[in-house]
Each structure stands twice: as structure tokens, then as C-alpha cells.
N, C-alpha and C. Protein backbone atom coordinates (compact mmCIF):
# COMPACT_ATOMS: atom_id res chain seq x y z
N MET A 1 139.71 50.92 125.15
CA MET A 1 140.01 49.87 123.53
C MET A 1 141.55 50.91 124.06
N TYR A 2 142.64 49.60 123.18
CA TYR A 2 143.74 50.43 123.21
C TYR A 2 144.47 50.14 121.73
N ASP A 3 144.97 51.35 121.05
CA ASP A 3 146.23 51.10 119.65
C ASP A 3 147.31 49.91 120.12
N SER A 4 147.23 48.92 120.14
CA SER A 4 148.67 48.49 119.96
C SER A 4 149.79 48.44 119.53
N ASN A 5 150.63 47.74 119.48
CA ASN A 5 151.82 47.42 118.45
C ASN A 5 152.56 46.53 117.87
N ILE A 6 150.82 45.73 117.94
CA ILE A 6 150.73 44.37 116.97
C ILE A 6 150.35 44.53 115.53
N ASP A 7 150.88 44.66 114.18
CA ASP A 7 150.64 44.49 113.31
C ASP A 7 149.58 43.85 112.83
N LEU A 8 148.57 44.39 111.71
CA LEU A 8 147.57 43.58 111.08
C LEU A 8 147.87 43.23 110.05
N VAL A 9 147.82 41.84 109.16
CA VAL A 9 147.95 41.34 108.19
C VAL A 9 147.21 42.48 106.78
N PRO A 10 148.14 42.81 105.91
CA PRO A 10 147.64 43.81 105.16
C PRO A 10 146.50 43.40 104.33
N ALA A 11 145.78 43.99 103.73
CA ALA A 11 144.84 43.25 103.07
C ALA A 11 144.40 44.30 102.14
N GLY A 12 145.11 44.40 100.53
CA GLY A 12 144.95 45.58 99.83
C GLY A 12 145.91 46.77 100.41
N PRO A 13 144.81 47.95 100.23
CA PRO A 13 145.32 49.44 100.41
C PRO A 13 145.14 49.48 102.02
N PHE A 14 144.79 48.55 102.79
CA PHE A 14 144.50 48.20 104.00
C PHE A 14 145.35 47.93 105.17
N GLY A 15 145.64 48.67 106.40
CA GLY A 15 146.59 47.61 106.78
C GLY A 15 146.62 48.80 108.13
N GLY A 16 147.45 48.27 109.60
CA GLY A 16 147.61 49.30 110.52
C GLY A 16 148.15 48.42 111.51
N LYS A 17 147.57 48.75 113.11
CA LYS A 17 147.88 48.12 114.28
C LYS A 17 146.75 47.59 114.92
N MET A 18 146.49 46.38 115.49
CA MET A 18 145.62 46.28 116.09
C MET A 18 144.92 47.02 117.15
N VAL A 19 143.83 47.21 117.27
CA VAL A 19 143.13 47.39 118.40
C VAL A 19 142.62 46.58 119.36
N VAL A 20 142.83 46.80 120.51
CA VAL A 20 142.51 45.68 121.27
C VAL A 20 141.58 46.45 122.85
N SER A 21 141.28 45.34 123.24
CA SER A 21 140.13 45.68 124.12
C SER A 21 140.37 44.89 125.47
N MET A 22 140.59 45.64 126.83
CA MET A 22 140.79 44.43 128.02
C MET A 22 139.87 44.27 128.78
N ARG A 23 139.98 43.13 129.68
CA ARG A 23 138.94 43.01 130.73
C ARG A 23 140.03 42.49 132.13
N PRO A 24 139.73 43.11 132.97
CA PRO A 24 140.86 42.29 134.43
C PRO A 24 139.69 41.08 134.74
N ILE A 25 141.15 39.90 134.48
CA ILE A 25 140.33 38.90 134.89
C ILE A 25 141.60 38.30 136.64
N LEU A 26 140.37 37.52 137.11
CA LEU A 26 141.34 36.62 138.21
C LEU A 26 142.70 35.96 137.84
N ALA A 27 143.58 36.04 138.26
CA ALA A 27 144.53 35.02 137.81
C ALA A 27 144.69 33.52 137.62
N SER A 28 143.81 33.53 138.64
CA SER A 28 143.36 31.69 138.86
C SER A 28 142.52 31.35 137.62
N GLN A 29 141.34 32.38 137.23
CA GLN A 29 140.70 31.91 136.17
C GLN A 29 140.74 32.58 134.56
N VAL A 30 142.21 32.99 134.41
CA VAL A 30 142.46 33.14 133.36
C VAL A 30 142.77 31.58 132.44
N PRO A 31 143.27 30.76 132.68
CA PRO A 31 142.74 29.27 131.88
C PRO A 31 141.38 29.00 131.64
N VAL A 32 140.58 29.46 132.69
CA VAL A 32 138.77 28.77 131.80
C VAL A 32 138.67 30.15 131.10
N VAL A 33 139.03 31.04 131.19
CA VAL A 33 138.63 32.35 130.38
C VAL A 33 139.03 31.95 129.08
N GLU A 34 140.35 31.22 129.16
CA GLU A 34 141.25 31.28 127.67
C GLU A 34 140.48 29.36 126.72
N ARG A 35 140.16 28.76 128.12
CA ARG A 35 139.73 27.45 127.37
C ARG A 35 138.00 27.86 126.45
N VAL A 36 137.32 28.45 127.56
CA VAL A 36 136.34 28.98 127.22
C VAL A 36 135.88 29.55 125.78
N THR A 37 136.48 30.88 125.62
CA THR A 37 136.57 32.08 124.56
C THR A 37 136.82 30.90 123.70
N ASP A 38 137.50 30.57 124.00
CA ASP A 38 138.56 29.36 122.67
C ASP A 38 137.28 28.97 121.55
N GLU A 39 136.34 28.58 122.13
CA GLU A 39 135.40 27.80 121.67
C GLU A 39 134.48 28.71 120.59
N TYR A 40 134.88 30.04 120.79
CA TYR A 40 134.03 31.17 119.78
C TYR A 40 135.03 32.11 119.17
N PRO A 41 135.69 31.40 118.37
CA PRO A 41 136.72 32.38 117.19
C PRO A 41 135.92 33.25 116.58
N LEU A 42 134.62 33.14 116.37
CA LEU A 42 133.92 34.08 115.23
C LEU A 42 133.51 35.43 116.25
N ALA A 43 133.49 35.26 117.55
CA ALA A 43 132.39 36.36 118.36
C ALA A 43 134.38 36.66 119.81
N HIS A 44 135.21 37.54 118.99
CA HIS A 44 136.60 37.89 119.29
C HIS A 44 137.42 36.40 119.82
N GLY A 45 137.35 35.51 120.07
CA GLY A 45 137.71 34.18 120.71
C GLY A 45 138.54 34.04 121.65
N ARG A 46 139.79 33.65 121.95
CA ARG A 46 140.71 33.69 123.12
C ARG A 46 141.24 35.19 123.04
N PRO A 47 141.83 35.19 123.79
CA PRO A 47 142.73 36.87 124.49
C PRO A 47 144.30 36.70 123.28
N ILE A 48 144.16 37.45 122.84
CA ILE A 48 146.03 37.67 122.00
C ILE A 48 147.05 37.56 123.18
N HIS A 49 146.37 38.28 124.26
CA HIS A 49 147.47 38.53 125.17
C HIS A 49 147.29 38.35 127.07
N VAL A 50 147.92 38.18 127.60
CA VAL A 50 147.56 38.20 128.75
C VAL A 50 148.75 38.62 129.89
N GLY A 51 148.68 39.40 130.45
CA GLY A 51 149.35 40.04 131.25
C GLY A 51 149.77 41.14 130.41
N ASN A 52 151.70 41.43 130.96
CA ASN A 52 152.06 43.00 131.09
C ASN A 52 151.57 43.51 129.19
N PRO A 53 150.96 44.79 129.56
CA PRO A 53 150.75 45.53 128.85
C PRO A 53 151.73 46.11 127.94
N GLU A 54 152.77 46.07 128.59
CA GLU A 54 154.08 46.90 127.63
C GLU A 54 154.40 45.84 126.48
N ALA A 55 154.41 44.55 126.50
CA ALA A 55 154.77 43.87 126.03
C ALA A 55 154.08 43.97 124.46
N ILE A 56 152.87 44.50 124.56
CA ILE A 56 152.23 44.99 123.53
C ILE A 56 152.01 46.21 122.86
N GLY A 57 152.43 46.93 123.47
CA GLY A 57 152.68 48.22 123.65
C GLY A 57 151.66 49.33 124.28
N ILE A 58 151.22 49.45 125.47
CA ILE A 58 150.81 49.71 125.90
C ILE A 58 150.94 50.07 127.42
N SER A 59 151.27 51.09 127.34
CA SER A 59 152.28 51.54 128.87
C SER A 59 151.17 51.75 129.98
N PRO A 60 151.43 51.76 131.16
CA PRO A 60 150.91 51.97 132.75
C PRO A 60 150.18 52.92 132.43
N LYS A 61 150.92 54.01 132.04
CA LYS A 61 149.94 54.93 131.47
C LYS A 61 148.58 55.12 131.01
N LYS A 62 148.56 54.65 129.47
CA LYS A 62 148.34 54.53 128.80
C LYS A 62 147.06 53.38 128.54
N LEU A 63 147.06 52.35 130.03
CA LEU A 63 146.39 51.73 130.57
C LEU A 63 145.20 52.08 131.56
N GLN A 64 145.95 53.42 131.91
CA GLN A 64 145.01 54.15 132.62
C GLN A 64 143.81 54.66 131.98
N ASN A 65 144.43 55.19 130.84
CA ASN A 65 143.66 56.08 129.54
C ASN A 65 143.71 55.76 128.16
N PRO A 66 142.59 55.02 127.90
CA PRO A 66 142.46 54.05 126.82
C PRO A 66 142.09 55.29 125.81
N ASP A 67 142.90 54.67 124.69
CA ASP A 67 142.59 55.74 123.36
C ASP A 67 141.33 55.63 122.99
N TYR A 68 140.59 54.76 123.21
CA TYR A 68 139.04 54.46 122.74
C TYR A 68 138.03 54.41 124.18
N GLY A 69 137.36 54.99 124.84
CA GLY A 69 136.20 54.11 125.69
C GLY A 69 136.75 54.35 127.14
N ASP A 70 136.54 53.93 128.29
CA ASP A 70 136.79 54.16 129.48
C ASP A 70 137.66 53.62 130.07
N SER A 71 138.09 54.01 131.37
CA SER A 71 139.49 53.06 131.98
C SER A 71 139.01 52.07 132.44
N VAL A 72 139.05 50.73 132.86
CA VAL A 72 138.60 49.85 134.07
C VAL A 72 139.34 49.11 135.17
N GLU A 73 139.57 49.68 136.36
CA GLU A 73 139.94 49.36 137.35
C GLU A 73 140.67 47.73 137.49
N ILE A 74 141.69 48.08 137.67
CA ILE A 74 142.67 46.14 137.69
C ILE A 74 142.78 46.26 139.17
N ALA A 75 141.81 45.08 139.98
CA ALA A 75 141.69 45.05 141.44
C ALA A 75 143.44 44.24 141.73
N ASP A 76 143.29 44.35 142.76
CA ASP A 76 144.27 42.79 143.27
C ASP A 76 143.73 41.60 143.15
N GLY A 77 145.08 40.96 142.46
CA GLY A 77 144.74 39.43 142.54
C GLY A 77 144.16 39.56 140.76
N GLU A 78 144.35 40.55 140.44
CA GLU A 78 143.63 40.57 138.77
C GLU A 78 144.61 40.81 137.52
N VAL A 79 144.21 40.32 136.45
CA VAL A 79 145.57 40.24 135.49
C VAL A 79 145.12 40.96 133.96
N PRO A 80 145.51 42.10 133.62
CA PRO A 80 144.65 42.20 132.26
C PRO A 80 145.11 41.20 131.20
N VAL A 81 143.42 41.14 130.66
CA VAL A 81 143.65 39.92 129.23
C VAL A 81 142.66 40.96 128.46
N PHE A 82 143.79 40.79 127.49
CA PHE A 82 143.19 42.03 126.30
C PHE A 82 142.77 40.68 124.53
N TRP A 83 141.80 41.12 124.23
CA TRP A 83 141.44 40.33 122.83
C TRP A 83 141.17 41.59 122.21
N ALA A 84 141.73 41.12 120.87
CA ALA A 84 141.62 41.89 119.54
C ALA A 84 140.08 41.96 119.38
N CYS A 85 139.94 43.29 118.61
CA CYS A 85 138.39 44.06 119.02
C CYS A 85 138.31 45.30 117.09
N GLY A 86 136.78 44.94 117.18
CA GLY A 86 136.51 45.51 116.06
C GLY A 86 136.65 46.66 115.82
N GLY A 87 137.31 47.58 116.83
CA GLY A 87 137.74 49.31 116.56
C GLY A 87 138.91 49.04 115.99
N GLU A 88 139.10 47.94 114.86
CA GLU A 88 140.63 47.79 114.19
C GLU A 88 140.33 48.14 112.52
N THR A 89 138.41 48.45 112.75
CA THR A 89 138.08 48.82 111.41
C THR A 89 138.60 50.29 110.99
N GLY A 90 138.39 51.00 112.15
CA GLY A 90 139.13 52.28 112.52
C GLY A 90 140.23 52.43 112.13
N ALA A 91 141.22 51.91 112.47
CA ALA A 91 142.85 51.40 111.92
C ALA A 91 142.70 51.23 110.72
N TYR A 92 142.51 50.22 110.23
CA TYR A 92 142.34 50.07 108.62
C TYR A 92 142.03 50.93 107.81
N ASN A 93 140.75 51.80 108.04
CA ASN A 93 140.33 52.55 107.11
C ASN A 93 141.47 53.95 107.44
N SER A 94 142.01 54.37 108.71
CA SER A 94 142.90 55.06 108.76
C SER A 94 144.21 55.19 107.93
N ALA A 95 144.81 53.93 107.87
CA ALA A 95 145.97 53.70 107.50
C ALA A 95 145.62 53.32 105.72
N ALA A 96 144.45 53.02 105.51
CA ALA A 96 144.03 52.77 103.81
C ALA A 96 144.99 53.92 102.65
N THR A 97 145.61 53.24 101.61
CA THR A 97 145.99 54.56 100.71
C THR A 97 144.72 54.63 99.73
N THR A 98 144.95 55.74 99.08
CA THR A 98 143.98 56.25 97.98
C THR A 98 143.98 54.87 97.17
N ILE A 99 142.41 54.56 96.87
CA ILE A 99 142.23 54.12 95.36
C ILE A 99 141.72 55.12 94.29
N PRO A 100 142.73 55.03 93.11
CA PRO A 100 142.09 56.13 92.05
C PRO A 100 140.46 55.43 91.56
N ILE A 101 139.95 56.33 92.00
CA ILE A 101 138.90 56.18 91.22
C ILE A 101 138.53 55.49 89.80
N GLY A 102 137.42 54.37 89.74
CA GLY A 102 137.59 53.81 88.71
C GLY A 102 138.12 52.26 88.76
N GLU A 103 139.05 52.03 89.72
CA GLU A 103 139.76 50.70 89.98
C GLU A 103 139.01 49.90 90.66
N GLN A 104 138.73 48.76 90.10
CA GLN A 104 137.79 48.07 90.64
C GLN A 104 138.59 47.24 91.87
N ILE A 105 137.83 46.88 93.18
CA ILE A 105 138.20 46.09 94.39
C ILE A 105 137.99 44.97 93.78
N LYS A 106 138.29 43.84 94.00
CA LYS A 106 137.82 42.44 94.18
C LYS A 106 138.10 41.85 95.29
N CYS A 107 136.94 41.58 95.95
CA CYS A 107 136.95 40.67 97.06
C CYS A 107 136.69 39.43 96.74
């Protein structure tokens, strides 16, 4: 998983940058992957980015050395495909401001 440069929508004291996962997909299969995963918005949904990782703040060096977990090799004919990831909760938590004791959080 990678820290991207995509801003998350702040929620109260929480905010930060989107954490993304990446899977290499055959370029010819990307439209199928997008169509299938679009049907499951509550389970990561469709990719948030396809192709050039630098467009979302992931350098070629960083692509080989993820911020979290192991790297995945991209074979000839494959392109990197990125999804929003549950790792964002860590980004939200680390970016949270201090909430005074006794202050009620309304959900």
C-alpha cells in the first residue's frame, strides 16, 4: 500500500491523504476490471487511478518500495491499477487533532 497525494475529505478532527493499494492488471483487461469492481462500491469499488503512479504522488522508486506491505512486480503488458484502501484509517488517526476531554463527538 502507498501513501498518495490525494486529499481525503476531512471529517471533524480527522483528515489526511488517501492510502491506496495497487494490483498490476493486463492493459487489455482494465475495462473489465473497472466494470466488475464498479458493482461493489462497499468493497473498494472501482479503481481510483489507472496508469502513471506519479500522477498520484507515487514515484517509480516508491512503487518498488511500498509504504506498507510487500512490493508487487509489474510484468510486460500490465499497468498499475490503484484502489482506495482501508489503510486510510491510520492516515486519519495520525492526522487527527486533539479533542479536549469531555467534548462530545457527534456522529
